[in-house]
Amino acid sequence: MALSKDLLEILVCPQCKGVIVPDEKHEKLICQACKLAYPVRDDIPVMLIDEALSLD
């Protein structure tokens, strides 16, 4: 199940408050500005900076 469009419209990066976009498989939400990827577990975005993975 993909994340709902309504949810994606209101979520922002917790670090910079910038736009986040899902990856192709909807397994991560990506912030290009911070170069961070927030995991999605059981269709629930984990929007914690400590849980984010670096894209570098």
C-alpha atoms as a PDB file:
ATOM      1  CA  MET A   1       0.000   0.000   0.000  1.00  0.00           C
ATOM      2  CA  ALA A   2       1.403   3.369  -1.012  1.00  0.00           C
ATOM      3  CA  LEU A   3       1.312   6.428   1.198  1.00  0.00           C
ATOM      4  CA  SER A   4      -1.741   8.572   0.630  1.00  0.00           C
ATOM      5  CA  LYS A   5      -1.415  11.706  -1.469  1.00  0.00           C
ATOM      6  CA  ASP A   6      -3.044  13.765   1.314  1.00  0.00           C
ATOM      7  CA  LEU A   7      -0.439  12.617   3.830  1.00  0.00           C
ATOM      8  CA  LEU A   8       2.439  13.362   1.462  1.00  0.00           C
ATOM      9  CA  GLU A   9       1.127  16.893   0.925  1.00  0.00           C
ATOM     10  CA  ILE A  10       1.357  17.780   4.629  1.00  0.00           C
ATOM     11  CA  LEU A  11       4.593  16.010   5.592  1.00  0.00           C
ATOM     12  CA  VAL A  12       7.814  18.030   5.566  1.00  0.00           C
ATOM     13  CA  CYS A  13      11.382  17.289   6.529  1.00  0.00           C
ATOM     14  CA  PRO A  14      11.672  17.648  10.324  1.00  0.00           C
ATOM     15  CA  GLN A  15      15.169  19.107  10.004  1.00  0.00           C
ATOM     16  CA  CYS A  16      14.725  21.860   7.392  1.00  0.00           C
ATOM     17  CA  LYS A  17      10.915  21.925   6.967  1.00  0.00           C
ATOM     18  CA  GLY A  18      11.488  21.375   3.244  1.00  0.00           C
ATOM     19  CA  VAL A  19       9.697  19.225   0.701  1.00  0.00           C
ATOM     20  CA  ILE A  20      10.004  15.448   0.909  1.00  0.00           C
ATOM     21  CA  VAL A  21       9.226  12.980  -1.850  1.00  0.00           C
ATOM     22  CA  PRO A  22       8.779   9.206  -1.729  1.00  0.00           C
ATOM     23  CA  ASP A  23      11.191   6.888  -3.490  1.00  0.00           C
ATOM     24  CA  GLU A  24       9.838   4.635  -6.242  1.00  0.00           C
ATOM     25  CA  LYS A  25       8.957   1.788  -3.866  1.00  0.00           C
ATOM     26  CA  HIS A  26       7.525   4.082  -1.152  1.00  0.00           C
ATOM     27  CA  GLU A  27      10.071   2.652   1.316  1.00  0.00           C
ATOM     28  CA  LYS A  28      11.664   6.023   2.087  1.00  0.00           C
ATOM     29  CA  LEU A  29      10.771   9.710   2.075  1.00  0.00           C
ATOM     30  CA  ILE A  30      13.625  11.765   0.684  1.00  0.00           C
ATOM     31  CA  CYS A  31      14.657  15.326   1.467  1.00  0.00           C
ATOM     32  CA  GLN A  32      17.001  16.522  -1.275  1.00  0.00           C
ATOM     33  CA  ALA A  33      17.959  19.681   0.652  1.00  0.00           C
ATOM     34  CA  CYS A  34      19.253  17.782   3.699  1.00  0.00           C
ATOM     35  CA  LYS A  35      20.322  14.681   1.755  1.00  0.00           C
ATOM     36  CA  LEU A  36      18.336  12.502   4.191  1.00  0.00           C
ATOM     37  CA  ALA A  37      15.966   9.579   3.671  1.00  0.00           C
ATOM     38  CA  TYR A  38      13.304   8.868   6.267  1.00  0.00           C
ATOM     39  CA  PRO A  39      12.193   5.219   6.439  1.00  0.00           C
ATOM     40  CA  VAL A  40       8.612   4.055   5.984  1.00  0.00           C
ATOM     41  CA  ARG A  41       7.785   1.055   8.183  1.00  0.00           C
ATOM     42  CA  ASP A  42       4.462  -0.765   7.868  1.00  0.00           C
ATOM     43  CA  ASP A  43       3.147   2.158   5.770  1.00  0.00           C
ATOM     44  CA  ILE A  44       3.994   4.615   8.567  1.00  0.00           C
ATOM     45  CA  PRO A  45       6.623   7.314   7.897  1.00  0.00           C
ATOM     46  CA  VAL A  46       9.244   7.521  10.643  1.00  0.00           C
ATOM     47  CA  MET A  47       9.916  11.249  10.638  1.00  0.00           C
ATOM     48  CA  LEU A  48      12.656  11.294  13.287  1.00  0.00           C
ATOM     49  CA  ILE A  49      15.976  12.916  12.446  1.00  0.00           C
ATOM     50  CA  ASP A  50      17.802  10.225  14.440  1.00  0.00           C
ATOM     51  CA  GLU A  51      16.215   7.504  12.265  1.00  0.00           C
ATOM     52  CA  ALA A  52      17.033   9.187   8.944  1.00  0.00           C
ATOM     53  CA  LEU A  53      19.609   7.694   6.614  1.00  0.00           C
ATOM     54  CA  SER A  54      22.204   9.856   4.903  1.00  0.00           C
ATOM     55  CA  LEU A  55      22.060   9.911   1.094  1.00  0.00           C
ATOM     56  CA  ASP A  56      25.788  10.635   0.881  1.00  0.00           C
END
